[in-house]
Amino acid sequence: DVLLYAGAGGVPAYGKHELVTFDDA
């Protein structure tokens, strides 16, 4: 459930963590 920990070592991902879908309704 965690996208970012303070003090984490990875290059931070920012700006998009989702999709949008358009259904037939």
PDB file of all heavy atoms in Angstrom:
ATOM      1  N   ASP A   1       0.814  -1.209   0.000  1.00  0.00           N
ATOM      2  CA  ASP A   1       0.000   0.000   0.000  1.00  0.00           C
ATOM      3  C   ASP A   1       0.853   1.267   0.000  1.00  0.00           C
ATOM      4  O   ASP A   1       0.334   2.364  -0.153  1.00  0.00           O
ATOM      5  CB  ASP A   1      -0.919  -0.015   1.231  1.00  0.00           C
ATOM      6  CG  ASP A   1      -1.810   1.201   1.333  1.00  0.00           C
ATOM      7  OD1 ASP A   1      -2.534   1.475   0.364  1.00  0.00           O
ATOM      8  OD2 ASP A   1      -1.751   1.891   2.363  1.00  0.00           O
ATOM      9  N   VAL A   2       2.170   1.119   0.158  1.00  0.00           N
ATOM     10  CA  VAL A   2       3.062   2.270   0.283  1.00  0.00           C
ATOM     11  C   VAL A   2       3.723   2.571  -1.064  1.00  0.00           C
ATOM     12  O   VAL A   2       4.340   1.689  -1.673  1.00  0.00           O
ATOM     13  CB  VAL A   2       4.140   2.013   1.351  1.00  0.00           C
ATOM     14  CG1 VAL A   2       5.133   3.170   1.402  1.00  0.00           C
ATOM     15  CG2 VAL A   2       3.493   1.819   2.723  1.00  0.00           C
ATOM     16  N   LEU A   3       3.580   3.812  -1.522  1.00  0.00           N
ATOM     17  CA  LEU A   3       4.234   4.246  -2.748  1.00  0.00           C
ATOM     18  C   LEU A   3       5.619   4.797  -2.481  1.00  0.00           C
ATOM     19  O   LEU A   3       6.510   4.703  -3.322  1.00  0.00           O
ATOM     20  CB  LEU A   3       3.390   5.315  -3.447  1.00  0.00           C
ATOM     21  CG  LEU A   3       1.954   4.930  -3.806  1.00  0.00           C
ATOM     22  CD1 LEU A   3       1.255   6.091  -4.489  1.00  0.00           C
ATOM     23  CD2 LEU A   3       1.927   3.692  -4.691  1.00  0.00           C
ATOM     24  N   LEU A   4       5.820   5.401  -1.310  1.00  0.00           N
ATOM     25  CA  LEU A   4       7.102   6.026  -0.993  1.00  0.00           C
ATOM     26  C   LEU A   4       7.340   5.967   0.504  1.00  0.00           C
ATOM     27  O   LEU A   4       6.489   6.367   1.297  1.00  0.00           O
ATOM     28  CB  LEU A   4       7.111   7.495  -1.445  1.00  0.00           C
ATOM     29  CG  LEU A   4       8.292   8.349  -0.970  1.00  0.00           C
ATOM     30  CD1 LEU A   4       9.580   7.911  -1.666  1.00  0.00           C
ATOM     31  CD2 LEU A   4       8.039   9.839  -1.234  1.00  0.00           C
ATOM     32  N   TYR A   5       8.505   5.444   0.907  1.00  0.00           N
ATOM     33  CA  TYR A   5       8.971   5.527   2.291  1.00  0.00           C
ATOM     34  C   TYR A   5       9.960   6.679   2.408  1.00  0.00           C
ATOM     35  O   TYR A   5      10.825   6.852   1.536  1.00  0.00           O
ATOM     36  CB  TYR A   5       9.689   4.250   2.714  1.00  0.00           C
ATOM     37  CG  TYR A   5       8.816   3.042   2.919  1.00  0.00           C
ATOM     38  CD1 TYR A   5       8.812   2.003   1.984  1.00  0.00           C
ATOM     39  CD2 TYR A   5       8.034   2.905   4.055  1.00  0.00           C
ATOM     40  CE1 TYR A   5       8.030   0.876   2.172  1.00  0.00           C
ATOM     41  CE2 TYR A   5       7.248   1.776   4.250  1.00  0.00           C
ATOM     42  CZ  TYR A   5       7.251   0.765   3.312  1.00  0.00           C
ATOM     43  OH  TYR A   5       6.472  -0.353   3.506  1.00  0.00           O
ATOM     44  N   ALA A   6       9.865   7.453   3.468  1.00  0.00           N
ATOM     45  CA  ALA A   6      10.896   8.442   3.741  1.00  0.00           C
ATOM     46  C   ALA A   6      12.211   7.717   3.994  1.00  0.00           C
ATOM     47  O   ALA A   6      12.270   6.776   4.781  1.00  0.00           O
ATOM     48  CB  ALA A   6      10.516   9.276   4.960  1.00  0.00           C
ATOM     49  N   GLY A   7      13.263   8.139   3.298  1.00  0.00           N
ATOM     50  CA  GLY A   7      14.556   7.500   3.437  1.00  0.00           C
ATOM     51  C   GLY A   7      14.761   6.292   2.554  1.00  0.00           C
ATOM     52  O   GLY A   7      15.759   5.582   2.703  1.00  0.00           O
ATOM     53  N   ALA A   8      13.832   6.046   1.611  1.00  0.00           N
ATOM     54  CA  ALA A   8      13.975   4.907   0.696  1.00  0.00           C
ATOM     55  C   ALA A   8      15.075   5.181  -0.322  1.00  0.00           C
ATOM     56  O   ALA A   8      15.396   6.328  -0.633  1.00  0.00           O
ATOM     57  CB  ALA A   8      12.660   4.607   0.004  1.00  0.00           C
ATOM     58  N   GLY A   9      15.632   4.106  -0.891  1.00  0.00           N
ATOM     59  CA  GLY A   9      16.775   4.242  -1.775  1.00  0.00           C
ATOM     60  C   GLY A   9      16.464   4.375  -3.247  1.00  0.00           C
ATOM     61  O   GLY A   9      17.335   4.731  -4.029  1.00  0.00           O
ATOM     62  N   GLY A  10      15.227   4.071  -3.656  1.00  0.00           N
ATOM     63  CA  GLY A  10      14.904   4.078  -5.071  1.00  0.00           C
ATOM     64  C   GLY A  10      14.700   5.467  -5.634  1.00  0.00           C
ATOM     65  O   GLY A  10      14.421   6.424  -4.908  1.00  0.00           O
ATOM     66  N   VAL A  11      14.839   5.584  -6.958  1.00  0.00           N
ATOM     67  CA  VAL A  11      14.489   6.820  -7.652  1.00  0.00           C
ATOM     68  C   VAL A  11      12.981   7.003  -7.523  1.00  0.00           C
ATOM     69  O   VAL A  11      12.218   6.108  -7.882  1.00  0.00           O
ATOM     70  CB  VAL A  11      14.897   6.754  -9.128  1.00  0.00           C
ATOM     71  CG1 VAL A  11      14.423   7.990  -9.883  1.00  0.00           C
ATOM     72  CG2 VAL A  11      16.406   6.600  -9.260  1.00  0.00           C
ATOM     73  N   PRO A  12      12.518   8.122  -6.986  1.00  0.00           N
ATOM     74  CA  PRO A  12      11.077   8.249  -6.715  1.00  0.00           C
ATOM     75  C   PRO A  12      10.246   8.327  -7.987  1.00  0.00           C
ATOM     76  O   PRO A  12      10.603   9.008  -8.949  1.00  0.00           O
ATOM     77  CB  PRO A  12      10.980   9.554  -5.911  1.00  0.00           C
ATOM     78  CG  PRO A  12      12.202  10.326  -6.283  1.00  0.00           C
ATOM     79  CD  PRO A  12      13.275   9.308  -6.545  1.00  0.00           C
ATOM     80  N   ALA A  13       9.129   7.600  -7.997  1.00  0.00           N
ATOM     81  CA  ALA A  13       8.144   7.696  -9.074  1.00  0.00           C
ATOM     82  C   ALA A  13       7.147   8.773  -8.696  1.00  0.00           C
ATOM     83  O   ALA A  13       6.668   8.812  -7.572  1.00  0.00           O
ATOM     84  CB  ALA A  13       7.435   6.360  -9.276  1.00  0.00           C
ATOM     85  N   TYR A  14       6.819   9.643  -9.637  1.00  0.00           N
ATOM     86  CA  TYR A  14       5.952  10.777  -9.301  1.00  0.00           C
ATOM     87  C   TYR A  14       5.037  11.091 -10.466  1.00  0.00           C
ATOM     88  O   TYR A  14       5.447  11.043 -11.619  1.00  0.00           O
ATOM     89  CB  TYR A  14       6.798  12.013  -8.982  1.00  0.00           C
ATOM     90  CG  TYR A  14       5.985  13.216  -8.553  1.00  0.00           C
ATOM     91  CD1 TYR A  14       5.637  13.397  -7.222  1.00  0.00           C
ATOM     92  CD2 TYR A  14       5.553  14.152  -9.476  1.00  0.00           C
ATOM     93  CE1 TYR A  14       4.888  14.484  -6.814  1.00  0.00           C
ATOM     94  CE2 TYR A  14       4.798  15.245  -9.082  1.00  0.00           C
ATOM     95  CZ  TYR A  14       4.471  15.403  -7.755  1.00  0.00           C
ATOM     96  OH  TYR A  14       3.717  16.479  -7.369  1.00  0.00           O
ATOM     97  N   GLY A  15       3.783  11.396 -10.150  1.00  0.00           N
ATOM     98  CA  GLY A  15       2.903  11.978 -11.153  1.00  0.00           C
ATOM     99  C   GLY A  15       1.865  11.077 -11.753  1.00  0.00           C
ATOM    100  O   GLY A  15       0.897  11.555 -12.319  1.00  0.00           O
ATOM    101  N   LYS A  16       2.046   9.752 -11.643  1.00  0.00           N
ATOM    102  CA  LYS A  16       1.037   8.856 -12.188  1.00  0.00           C
ATOM    103  C   LYS A  16       1.121   7.504 -11.491  1.00  0.00           C
ATOM    104  O   LYS A  16       2.136   6.808 -11.585  1.00  0.00           O
ATOM    105  CB  LYS A  16       1.211   8.675 -13.696  1.00  0.00           C
ATOM    106  CG  LYS A  16       0.037   7.946 -14.362  1.00  0.00           C
ATOM    107  CD  LYS A  16       0.198   7.853 -15.871  1.00  0.00           C
ATOM    108  CE  LYS A  16      -1.032   7.229 -16.527  1.00  0.00           C
ATOM    109  NZ  LYS A  16      -0.886   7.045 -17.980  1.00  0.00           N
ATOM    110  N   HIS A  17       0.040   7.142 -10.806  1.00  0.00           N
ATOM    111  CA  HIS A  17      -0.068   5.836 -10.163  1.00  0.00           C
ATOM    112  C   HIS A  17      -1.469   5.268 -10.409  1.00  0.00           C
ATOM    113  O   HIS A  17      -2.070   4.685  -9.511  1.00  0.00           O
ATOM    114  CB  HIS A  17       0.200   5.925  -8.662  1.00  0.00           C
ATOM    115  CG  HIS A  17       1.633   6.159  -8.319  1.00  0.00           C
ATOM    116  ND1 HIS A  17       2.138   7.410  -8.036  1.00  0.00           N
ATOM    117  CD2 HIS A  17       2.685   5.309  -8.237  1.00  0.00           C
ATOM    118  CE1 HIS A  17       3.430   7.310  -7.780  1.00  0.00           C
ATOM    119  NE2 HIS A  17       3.784   6.045  -7.890  1.00  0.00           N
ATOM    120  N   GLU A  18      -1.981   5.457 -11.606  1.00  0.00           N
ATOM    121  CA  GLU A  18      -3.355   5.047 -11.868  1.00  0.00           C
ATOM    122  C   GLU A  18      -3.621   4.909 -13.366  1.00  0.00           C
ATOM    123  O   GLU A  18      -2.811   5.323 -14.204  1.00  0.00           O
ATOM    124  CB  GLU A  18      -4.332   6.065 -11.283  1.00  0.00           C
ATOM    125  CG  GLU A  18      -4.217   7.447 -11.908  1.00  0.00           C
ATOM    126  CD  GLU A  18      -4.992   8.498 -11.133  1.00  0.00           C
ATOM    127  OE1 GLU A  18      -4.576   8.813 -10.015  1.00  0.00           O
ATOM    128  OE2 GLU A  18      -5.987   9.000 -11.674  1.00  0.00           O
ATOM    129  N   LEU A  19      -4.757   4.324 -13.674  1.00  0.00           N
ATOM    130  CA  LEU A  19      -5.302   4.228 -15.025  1.00  0.00           C
ATOM    131  C   LEU A  19      -6.708   4.792 -15.026  1.00  0.00           C
ATOM    132  O   LEU A  19      -7.372   4.822 -13.987  1.00  0.00           O
ATOM    133  CB  LEU A  19      -5.378   2.769 -15.476  1.00  0.00           C
ATOM    134  CG  LEU A  19      -4.081   2.001 -15.736  1.00  0.00           C
ATOM    135  CD1 LEU A  19      -4.382   0.513 -15.789  1.00  0.00           C
ATOM    136  CD2 LEU A  19      -3.426   2.465 -17.029  1.00  0.00           C
ATOM    137  N   VAL A  20      -7.165   5.225 -16.194  1.00  0.00           N
ATOM    138  CA  VAL A  20      -8.590   5.497 -16.366  1.00  0.00           C
ATOM    139  C   VAL A  20      -9.099   4.621 -17.505  1.00  0.00           C
ATOM    140  O   VAL A  20      -8.389   4.344 -18.478  1.00  0.00           O
ATOM    141  CB  VAL A  20      -8.903   6.982 -16.663  1.00  0.00           C
ATOM    142  CG1 VAL A  20      -8.608   7.845 -15.467  1.00  0.00           C
ATOM    143  CG2 VAL A  20      -8.155   7.467 -17.890  1.00  0.00           C
ATOM    144  N   THR A  21     -10.327   4.145 -17.343  1.00  0.00           N
ATOM    145  CA  THR A  21     -10.977   3.326 -18.369  1.00  0.00           C
ATOM    146  C   THR A  21     -12.333   3.935 -18.712  1.00  0.00           C
ATOM    147  O   THR A  21     -13.000   4.522 -17.852  1.00  0.00           O
ATOM    148  CB  THR A  21     -11.179   1.883 -17.880  1.00  0.00           C
ATOM    149  OG1 THR A  21     -11.935   1.900 -16.658  1.00  0.00           O
ATOM    150  CG2 THR A  21      -9.847   1.199 -17.642  1.00  0.00           C
ATOM    151  N   PHE A  22     -12.737   3.784 -19.970  1.00  0.00           N
ATOM    152  CA  PHE A  22     -14.027   4.249 -20.464  1.00  0.00           C
ATOM    153  C   PHE A  22     -14.792   3.005 -20.906  1.00  0.00           C
ATOM    154  O   PHE A  22     -14.362   2.315 -21.843  1.00  0.00           O
ATOM    155  CB  PHE A  22     -13.842   5.189 -21.653  1.00  0.00           C
ATOM    156  CG  PHE A  22     -13.140   6.486 -21.338  1.00  0.00           C
ATOM    157  CD1 PHE A  22     -11.814   6.498 -20.938  1.00  0.00           C
ATOM    158  CD2 PHE A  22     -13.810   7.689 -21.462  1.00  0.00           C
ATOM    159  CE1 PHE A  22     -11.156   7.683 -20.661  1.00  0.00           C
ATOM    160  CE2 PHE A  22     -13.165   8.889 -21.194  1.00  0.00           C
ATOM    161  CZ  PHE A  22     -11.837   8.889 -20.784  1.00  0.00           C
ATOM    162  N   ASP A  23     -15.909   2.688 -20.230  1.00  0.00           N
ATOM    163  CA  ASP A  23     -16.606   1.449 -20.569  1.00  0.00           C
ATOM    164  C   ASP A  23     -17.720   1.680 -21.584  1.00  0.00           C
ATOM    165  O   ASP A  23     -17.954   2.804 -22.046  1.00  0.00           O
ATOM    166  CB  ASP A  23     -17.129   0.751 -19.308  1.00  0.00           C
ATOM    167  CG  ASP A  23     -18.229   1.523 -18.607  1.00  0.00           C
ATOM    168  OD1 ASP A  23     -18.789   2.477 -19.199  1.00  0.00           O
ATOM    169  OD2 ASP A  23     -18.553   1.160 -17.461  1.00  0.00           O
ATOM    170  N   ASP A  24     -18.439   0.597 -21.929  1.00  0.00           N
ATOM    171  CA  ASP A  24     -19.461   0.693 -22.964  1.00  0.00           C
ATOM    172  C   ASP A  24     -20.730   1.389 -22.478  1.00  0.00           C
ATOM    173  O   ASP A  24     -21.660   1.625 -23.251  1.00  0.00           O
ATOM    174  CB  ASP A  24     -19.793  -0.690 -23.521  1.00  0.00           C
ATOM    175  CG  ASP A  24     -20.041  -1.718 -22.428  1.00  0.00           C
ATOM    176  OD1 ASP A  24     -20.242  -1.311 -21.256  1.00  0.00           O
ATOM    177  OD2 ASP A  24     -20.022  -2.920 -22.736  1.00  0.00           O
ATOM    178  N   ALA A  25     -20.787   1.727 -21.180  1.00  0.00           N
ATOM    179  CA  ALA A  25     -21.898   2.522 -20.654  1.00  0.00           C
ATOM    180  C   ALA A  25     -21.491   3.985 -20.494  1.00  0.00           C
ATOM    181  O   ALA A  25     -22.189   4.759 -19.833  1.00  0.00           O
ATOM    182  CB  ALA A  25     -22.368   1.966 -19.312  1.00  0.00           C
TER     183      ALA A  25
END
